[in-house]
Amino acid sequence: MSIKLHDKLPNVGTTIFTTMSLLAAEYKAINLGQGFPDYPMSAELIELVNKAMKSGYNQYMHMNGLPLLRERIAEKIKGLYAADIDPETEITITPGATYAIYTALTTILQPGDEVIVFEPAYDSYIPAIELNGAVPVLIPLHYPNYSIDWEIVKQKITPKTKLIMLNTPHNPTGAVLGKNDIEQLHAVVKDTNIFILSDEVYEHLIFDGKQHESVLRYPDLFERSFVCFSFGKVYDCTGWKIGYCIAPPELMTAFRKIHQFNAFSCNTPVQHALAEFLQRKENYLQLGSMVQQKRDLFKSLMAATKFKPLPSYGSYFQLYSYEDISEENEMDFAIRLVKWYGVASIPTSAFYKNNTENKVLRFCFSKNAETLEKAAERLIKV
């Protein structure tokens, strides 16, 4: 007699990122699917990690994270967003932003709670909500600009609404929240017990002179928020899986109760290195303009193809419509691009629970110029 397992995620399989990356490897395709740079990260930061290891910083770090690193994060936030964050009570270092998001959801949610999620959405959100026994309330962003219809949000609020999830700059669309969105959010949550979870991992990857509307800028929003960040997206080290969560003291105390029995602590030498490297402000202040150049290069190269760009104001990504090319669904077309033309992308339908189709693919442009040029040469043939 075999033991039967009750699957907590019966409708979830292998992630689209793994699927497309394996397919890209099999067909030796250029991988513009998964969001990671193919150019070297800072040699100085690598040396700082090496230095920390050789200096003996190799044992458990404090559960909350290296105090100096949290202090440097607080200094950075003060400079960027004019927010006074207490590094002792309001910042916790985490093994990546996805972990921070999951832990925040586990801190907040009880079975039956409702969570407003805007689709397309990063693929970890809905499974994390469901694993906590809560119910995702799905609201589509308005195609093709992927803006929030706040009237629909107001209609979806119920006594069970516990949380609104935000992501700006947005993955997969590259959309960003503006001042009007913040005003509407204020109106929606005012005089309620609704929490906010703000995924801001692409905070520095913002283009065309736009301002990143961090929840940290707004004290009355921050008092009900968990805000999650990633060092991997800032310093081109996605494989390090290190980030942090910021929340008011009462919320952070509850967050840490869960954190202490899960990861407990994070990579010690990396934290020492980051604490020193954060003092080089130019590395994150210049990041947006550098990555915008890659967006602009890829867009100019893609102008010779039949793909049509949709607006991207941030992140590693730009969506492209193929409605003038094929009637195929997004997954089939994405697979054909890999097999026939040697370029991997991500079907945007994968970011919808019900696989909404708009004939749109997500391409990652955070690559070497040579990579983007080779990919465009192949896509011109489509």
Protein backbone atom coordinates (compact mmCIF):
# COMPACT_ATOMS: atom_id res chain seq x y z
CA MET A 1 0.00 0.00 0.00
CA SER A 2 1.49 3.32 -1.08
CA ILE A 3 1.29 6.40 1.11
CA LYS A 4 -0.83 9.11 -0.43
CA LEU A 5 0.22 12.72 -0.20
CA HIS A 6 -2.30 15.55 -0.05
CA ASP A 7 -0.87 17.98 -2.59
CA LYS A 8 -1.23 21.56 -1.36
CA LEU A 9 -0.71 22.91 -4.90
CA PRO A 10 -2.46 20.34 -7.10
CA ASN A 11 -2.75 22.68 -10.07
CA VAL A 12 0.86 23.87 -10.04
CA GLY A 13 3.62 22.27 -12.08
CA THR A 14 7.15 23.30 -13.01
CA THR A 15 7.54 27.06 -13.34
CA ILE A 16 7.50 28.60 -16.80
CA PHE A 17 11.01 29.95 -16.18
CA THR A 18 12.42 26.47 -15.64
CA THR A 19 10.48 25.09 -18.60
CA MET A 20 11.68 27.72 -21.05
CA SER A 21 15.25 27.72 -19.76
CA LEU A 22 15.49 23.93 -20.18
CA LEU A 23 14.05 24.25 -23.67
CA ALA A 24 16.55 27.01 -24.49
CA ALA A 25 19.42 24.81 -23.30
CA GLU A 26 18.16 21.84 -25.30
CA TYR A 27 17.97 23.84 -28.54
CA LYS A 28 21.01 26.04 -27.75
CA ALA A 29 18.78 29.08 -28.00
CA ILE A 30 19.51 32.61 -26.80
CA ASN A 31 17.73 32.84 -23.45
CA LEU A 32 15.81 36.12 -23.18
CA GLY A 33 13.27 34.38 -20.97
CA GLN A 34 14.50 34.20 -17.39
CA GLY A 35 15.38 37.54 -15.85
CA PHE A 36 19.09 37.53 -15.17
CA PRO A 37 22.04 39.46 -16.65
CA ASP A 38 24.57 37.62 -18.82
CA TYR A 39 27.30 40.18 -18.14
CA PRO A 40 29.71 40.13 -15.19
CA MET A 41 28.77 41.57 -11.83
CA SER A 42 31.06 43.93 -9.93
CA ALA A 43 34.52 42.47 -9.44
CA GLU A 44 34.91 44.71 -6.40
CA LEU A 45 31.86 43.24 -4.72
CA ILE A 46 33.14 39.72 -5.39
CA GLU A 47 36.45 40.68 -3.80
CA LEU A 48 34.64 42.09 -0.77
CA VAL A 49 32.89 38.75 -0.25
CA ASN A 50 36.21 36.96 -0.59
CA LYS A 51 37.74 39.37 1.90
CA ALA A 52 34.93 38.74 4.38
CA MET A 53 35.36 34.98 4.10
CA LYS A 54 39.12 35.21 4.64
CA SER A 55 38.52 37.51 7.60
CA GLY A 56 36.54 34.76 9.32
CA TYR A 57 32.98 36.00 8.81
CA ASN A 58 31.65 32.54 8.04
CA GLN A 59 29.39 31.59 10.96
CA TYR A 60 25.74 32.31 11.69
CA MET A 61 24.69 35.91 11.41
CA HIS A 62 22.10 37.43 13.74
CA MET A 63 18.57 36.46 12.74
CA ASN A 64 17.67 40.03 11.80
CA GLY A 65 20.77 40.50 9.65
CA LEU A 66 24.15 42.19 10.06
CA PRO A 67 23.52 45.39 12.07
CA LEU A 68 25.87 47.46 9.89
CA LEU A 69 24.10 46.30 6.71
CA ARG A 70 20.72 47.27 8.16
CA GLU A 71 22.14 50.65 9.14
CA ARG A 72 23.43 51.22 5.61
CA ILE A 73 20.04 50.23 4.16
CA ALA A 74 18.34 52.74 6.46
CA GLU A 75 20.77 55.44 5.30
CA LYS A 76 20.03 54.60 1.68
CA ILE A 77 16.27 54.76 2.25
CA LYS A 78 16.59 58.10 3.99
CA GLY A 79 18.46 59.49 1.00
CA LEU A 80 16.13 58.04 -1.61
CA TYR A 81 12.71 58.34 -0.02
CA ALA A 82 13.13 60.76 2.92
CA ALA A 83 11.88 58.01 5.23
CA ASP A 84 13.24 57.44 8.72
CA ILE A 85 13.53 53.67 9.11
CA ASP A 86 14.81 52.10 12.32
CA PRO A 87 17.41 49.49 11.30
CA GLU A 88 16.97 47.62 14.58
CA THR A 89 13.19 47.17 14.54
CA GLU A 90 12.07 47.70 10.92
CA ILE A 91 14.56 45.89 8.64
CA THR A 92 15.19 42.15 8.30
CA ILE A 93 17.68 40.62 5.86
CA THR A 94 16.20 37.67 3.97
CA PRO A 95 17.39 34.96 1.55
CA GLY A 96 15.89 36.74 -1.43
CA ALA A 97 12.82 38.89 -2.04
CA THR A 98 10.57 35.94 -2.92
CA TYR A 99 11.26 34.55 0.55
CA ALA A 100 10.46 37.95 2.07
CA ILE A 101 7.16 38.04 0.17
CA TYR A 102 6.22 34.52 1.26
CA THR A 103 7.09 35.25 4.88
CA ALA A 104 5.10 38.48 4.85
CA LEU A 105 2.07 36.67 3.41
CA THR A 106 2.39 33.96 6.05
CA THR A 107 2.61 36.65 8.72
CA ILE A 108 -0.57 38.38 7.56
CA LEU A 109 -2.93 35.76 6.22
CA GLN A 110 -5.48 33.49 7.87
CA PRO A 111 -7.61 30.88 6.05
CA GLY A 112 -10.41 32.54 4.11
CA ASP A 113 -8.76 35.97 3.88
CA GLU A 114 -8.95 37.66 0.49
CA VAL A 115 -5.93 39.15 -1.26
CA ILE A 116 -6.18 41.52 -4.21
CA VAL A 117 -3.67 40.54 -6.90
CA PHE A 118 -3.17 42.40 -10.16
CA GLU A 119 -2.60 40.23 -13.20
CA PRO A 120 -0.34 39.52 -14.96
CA ALA A 121 1.48 38.76 -11.70
CA TYR A 122 4.85 37.33 -10.76
CA ASP A 123 4.31 33.61 -10.55
CA SER A 124 5.04 33.11 -6.82
CA TYR A 125 2.24 35.37 -5.56
CA ILE A 126 -0.84 33.21 -6.06
CA PRO A 127 0.68 29.90 -4.86
CA ALA A 128 2.00 31.65 -1.73
CA ILE A 129 -1.45 33.06 -1.02
CA GLU A 130 -3.15 29.70 -1.53
CA LEU A 131 -0.60 27.82 0.60
CA ASN A 132 -1.69 30.09 3.46
CA GLY A 133 -5.34 29.15 2.95
CA ALA A 134 -6.27 32.58 1.59
CA VAL A 135 -8.13 33.47 -1.60
CA PRO A 136 -6.55 35.49 -4.43
CA VAL A 137 -8.96 38.06 -5.85
CA LEU A 138 -7.67 38.59 -9.37
CA ILE A 139 -7.94 41.98 -11.07
CA PRO A 140 -6.59 42.32 -14.63
CA LEU A 141 -4.36 45.25 -15.42
CA HIS A 142 -5.75 47.25 -18.34
CA TYR A 143 -4.15 46.07 -21.59
CA PRO A 144 -2.03 47.34 -23.38
CA ASN A 145 -0.65 49.86 -20.84
CA TYR A 146 -1.21 47.52 -17.90
CA SER A 147 -2.66 50.22 -15.68
CA ILE A 148 -4.80 49.62 -12.58
CA ASP A 149 -8.53 50.26 -12.84
CA TRP A 150 -9.15 51.53 -9.31
CA GLU A 151 -12.92 51.46 -9.74
CA ILE A 152 -12.71 47.69 -10.11
CA VAL A 153 -10.50 47.56 -7.01
CA LYS A 154 -13.15 49.42 -5.01
CA GLN A 155 -15.80 47.00 -6.24
CA LYS A 156 -13.71 43.99 -5.18
CA ILE A 157 -13.15 45.16 -1.60
CA THR A 158 -15.14 43.05 0.87
CA PRO A 159 -15.09 42.52 4.65
CA LYS A 160 -12.71 39.62 3.95
CA THR A 161 -10.15 41.75 2.10
CA LYS A 162 -6.94 41.47 4.13
CA LEU A 163 -4.24 42.60 1.71
CA ILE A 164 -3.46 44.41 -1.54
CA MET A 165 -0.33 43.26 -3.39
CA LEU A 166 1.63 45.83 -5.39
CA ASN A 167 4.61 45.43 -7.71
CA THR A 168 6.40 48.48 -9.11
CA PRO A 169 8.29 48.56 -11.42
CA HIS A 170 6.19 45.67 -12.58
CA ASN A 171 7.23 42.19 -13.64
CA PRO A 172 6.38 41.13 -16.33
CA THR A 173 5.09 44.32 -17.99
CA GLY A 174 7.54 47.08 -17.06
CA ALA A 175 4.65 49.30 -15.93
CA VAL A 176 5.18 51.64 -12.96
CA LEU A 177 2.80 53.19 -10.46
CA GLY A 178 2.28 56.94 -10.65
CA LYS A 179 1.09 59.65 -8.27
CA ASN A 180 -2.54 59.01 -9.18
CA ASP A 181 -2.19 55.34 -8.28
CA ILE A 182 -0.86 56.30 -4.85
CA GLU A 183 -3.76 58.72 -4.33
CA GLN A 184 -6.24 56.01 -5.30
CA LEU A 185 -4.54 53.52 -3.00
CA HIS A 186 -4.79 55.99 -0.13
CA ALA A 187 -8.54 56.30 -0.75
CA VAL A 188 -9.06 52.54 -0.91
CA VAL A 189 -7.28 51.63 2.34
CA LYS A 190 -8.19 54.68 4.44
CA ASP A 191 -10.12 53.70 7.60
CA THR A 192 -9.75 49.99 6.84
CA ASN A 193 -7.69 47.12 8.27
CA ILE A 194 -6.26 46.26 4.85
CA PHE A 195 -2.53 45.58 4.67
CA ILE A 196 -0.22 46.33 1.73
CA LEU A 197 2.57 44.13 0.43
CA SER A 198 4.78 46.09 -1.96
CA ASP A 199 7.26 44.19 -4.15
CA GLU A 200 9.87 46.78 -5.12
CA VAL A 201 12.77 44.60 -6.25
CA TYR A 202 13.26 46.71 -9.40
CA GLU A 203 13.30 50.02 -7.51
CA HIS A 204 16.42 51.27 -9.32
CA LEU A 205 15.51 49.86 -12.72
CA ILE A 206 13.21 52.71 -13.70
CA PHE A 207 13.43 54.67 -16.94
CA ASP A 208 12.53 57.84 -18.84
CA GLY A 209 12.91 60.12 -15.83
CA LYS A 210 10.05 58.53 -13.92
CA GLN A 211 10.06 58.46 -10.12
CA HIS A 212 9.81 55.21 -8.22
CA GLU A 213 6.71 55.59 -6.05
CA SER A 214 7.88 53.50 -3.13
CA VAL A 215 5.38 52.91 -0.35
CA LEU A 216 8.22 54.10 1.92
CA ARG A 217 7.60 57.65 0.69
CA TYR A 218 4.15 57.69 2.30
CA PRO A 219 4.02 57.23 6.11
CA ASP A 220 0.28 56.54 6.23
CA LEU A 221 0.72 53.72 3.70
CA PHE A 222 3.92 52.37 5.23
CA GLU A 223 2.25 51.93 8.64
CA ARG A 224 0.23 49.03 7.13
CA SER A 225 2.91 47.68 4.76
CA PHE A 226 5.57 45.09 4.19
CA VAL A 227 8.01 46.31 1.52
CA CYS A 228 10.34 43.80 -0.14
CA PHE A 229 13.64 44.37 -1.95
CA SER A 230 16.38 42.37 -3.70
CA PHE A 231 20.13 42.91 -3.79
CA GLY A 232 20.29 40.48 -6.69
CA LYS A 233 18.46 42.90 -8.99
CA VAL A 234 20.61 45.84 -7.90
CA TYR A 235 24.05 44.28 -8.12
CA ASP A 236 23.59 41.72 -10.92
CA CYS A 237 23.93 38.77 -8.54
CA THR A 238 20.54 37.06 -8.79
CA GLY A 239 22.08 33.72 -7.79
CA TRP A 240 23.08 35.05 -4.37
CA LYS A 241 19.41 35.14 -3.32
CA ILE A 242 19.66 37.89 -0.74
CA GLY A 243 17.20 40.69 -0.08
CA TYR A 244 15.37 42.38 2.75
CA CYS A 245 11.96 43.30 4.10
CA ILE A 246 10.98 46.60 5.70
CA ALA A 247 7.91 46.98 7.90
CA PRO A 248 6.79 48.97 10.97
CA PRO A 249 7.98 47.51 14.32
CA GLU A 250 4.78 45.69 15.24
CA LEU A 251 4.51 44.04 11.82
CA MET A 252 8.23 43.25 11.70
CA THR A 253 8.08 41.57 15.11
CA ALA A 254 5.44 39.20 13.76
CA PHE A 255 7.45 38.69 10.54
CA ARG A 256 10.54 37.72 12.53
CA LYS A 257 8.62 35.13 14.55
CA ILE A 258 8.12 33.18 11.33
CA HIS A 259 11.54 33.98 9.87
CA GLN A 260 13.32 32.57 12.92
CA PHE A 261 11.86 29.11 12.36
CA ASN A 262 12.46 29.06 8.61
CA ALA A 263 15.73 30.41 7.18
CA PHE A 264 16.71 31.95 10.55
CA SER A 265 19.71 33.78 9.08
CA CYS A 266 21.35 34.64 5.78
CA ASN A 267 24.77 34.38 4.12
CA THR A 268 27.22 36.07 6.50
CA PRO A 269 30.17 37.04 4.24
CA VAL A 270 27.81 38.44 1.60
CA GLN A 271 26.17 40.66 4.20
CA HIS A 272 29.55 42.06 5.27
CA ALA A 273 30.44 42.75 1.64
CA LEU A 274 27.12 44.44 0.88
CA ALA A 275 27.41 46.65 3.96
CA GLU A 276 30.66 48.06 2.57
CA PHE A 277 29.55 48.16 -1.06
CA LEU A 278 26.35 50.11 -0.29
CA GLN A 279 28.56 53.11 0.43
CA ARG A 280 29.30 53.32 -3.33
CA LYS A 281 26.01 55.08 -4.05
CA GLU A 282 26.82 55.58 -7.71
CA ASN A 283 26.40 51.84 -8.29
CA TYR A 284 22.67 51.94 -7.64
CA LEU A 285 22.03 55.56 -8.61
CA GLN A 286 23.35 54.99 -12.14
CA LEU A 287 21.72 51.60 -12.61
CA GLY A 288 18.51 52.86 -14.20
CA SER A 289 20.23 54.81 -16.96
CA MET A 290 22.55 51.89 -17.72
CA VAL A 291 19.73 49.38 -18.05
CA GLN A 292 17.60 51.88 -20.01
CA GLN A 293 20.34 51.92 -22.62
CA LYS A 294 19.88 48.17 -22.98
CA ARG A 295 16.11 48.59 -23.29
CA ASP A 296 16.60 51.26 -25.95
CA LEU A 297 19.16 49.18 -27.84
CA PHE A 298 16.89 46.14 -27.91
CA LYS A 299 13.93 48.26 -28.95
CA SER A 300 15.91 49.77 -31.83
CA LEU A 301 17.06 46.32 -32.95
CA MET A 302 13.53 44.94 -32.72
CA ALA A 303 12.22 47.74 -34.94
CA ALA A 304 13.36 45.67 -37.90
CA THR A 305 11.10 42.78 -36.82
CA LYS A 306 7.33 42.35 -37.00
CA PHE A 307 7.07 42.39 -33.20
CA LYS A 308 5.39 45.47 -31.69
CA PRO A 309 6.74 46.86 -28.40
CA LEU A 310 4.49 47.69 -25.48
CA PRO A 311 5.61 50.43 -23.05
CA SER A 312 8.28 49.49 -20.51
CA TYR A 313 9.24 52.05 -17.88
CA GLY A 314 11.16 49.76 -15.55
CA SER A 315 12.45 46.24 -14.69
CA TYR A 316 14.53 43.92 -16.88
CA PHE A 317 11.66 43.32 -19.27
CA GLN A 318 9.70 44.55 -22.25
CA LEU A 319 6.60 42.95 -23.67
CA TYR A 320 6.22 42.53 -27.42
CA SER A 321 3.02 41.78 -29.31
CA TYR A 322 3.13 39.23 -32.13
CA GLU A 323 -0.46 39.76 -33.28
CA ASP A 324 0.79 40.74 -36.76
CA ILE A 325 2.79 37.52 -37.02
CA SER A 326 0.73 34.56 -35.83
CA GLU A 327 -2.62 33.38 -34.53
CA GLU A 328 -0.95 30.80 -32.28
CA ASN A 329 -1.46 30.92 -28.54
CA GLU A 330 1.40 32.37 -26.54
CA MET A 331 2.87 29.12 -25.26
CA ASP A 332 2.88 27.45 -28.67
CA PHE A 333 4.39 30.51 -30.32
CA ALA A 334 7.06 30.86 -27.62
CA ILE A 335 8.03 27.20 -28.03
CA ARG A 336 8.22 27.61 -31.81
CA LEU A 337 10.50 30.64 -31.38
CA VAL A 338 12.91 28.44 -29.44
CA LYS A 339 12.79 25.46 -31.78
CA TRP A 340 12.70 27.26 -35.14
CA TYR A 341 14.53 30.52 -34.46
CA GLY A 342 16.67 29.90 -31.37
CA VAL A 343 15.33 32.60 -29.06
CA ALA A 344 13.63 31.92 -25.72
CA SER A 345 11.03 34.26 -24.24
CA ILE A 346 8.23 33.91 -21.70
CA PRO A 347 4.55 33.79 -22.72
CA THR A 348 2.78 36.51 -20.75
CA SER A 349 -0.24 34.22 -20.34
CA ALA A 350 1.88 32.28 -17.81
CA PHE A 351 1.52 35.24 -15.43
CA TYR A 352 -2.28 34.82 -15.33
CA LYS A 353 -3.97 32.16 -13.23
CA ASN A 354 -6.35 31.41 -16.10
CA ASN A 355 -3.76 31.89 -18.87
CA THR A 356 -5.25 35.05 -20.38
CA GLU A 357 -4.10 35.47 -23.98
CA ASN A 358 -3.13 38.79 -25.60
CA LYS A 359 -0.53 37.45 -28.07
CA VAL A 360 2.27 38.97 -26.04
CA LEU A 361 5.71 37.64 -25.05
CA ARG A 362 8.11 38.89 -22.37
CA PHE A 363 11.73 39.45 -23.35
CA CYS A 364 14.56 40.16 -20.91
CA PHE A 365 16.83 42.90 -22.29
CA SER A 366 19.30 42.95 -19.38
CA LYS A 367 21.93 41.28 -21.54
CA ASN A 368 25.16 42.09 -23.33
CA ALA A 369 24.76 44.11 -26.52
CA GLU A 370 26.12 41.13 -28.47
CA THR A 371 23.41 38.86 -27.01
CA LEU A 372 20.66 41.32 -27.92
CA GLU A 373 22.04 41.80 -31.43
CA LYS A 374 22.17 38.06 -32.09
CA ALA A 375 18.65 37.59 -30.76
CA ALA A 376 17.27 40.38 -32.93
CA GLU A 377 19.01 38.94 -36.01
CA ARG A 378 17.12 35.73 -35.43
CA LEU A 379 13.80 37.41 -34.65
CA ILE A 380 13.94 39.43 -37.87
CA LYS A 381 13.42 36.13 -39.66
CA VAL A 382 10.14 35.42 -37.85
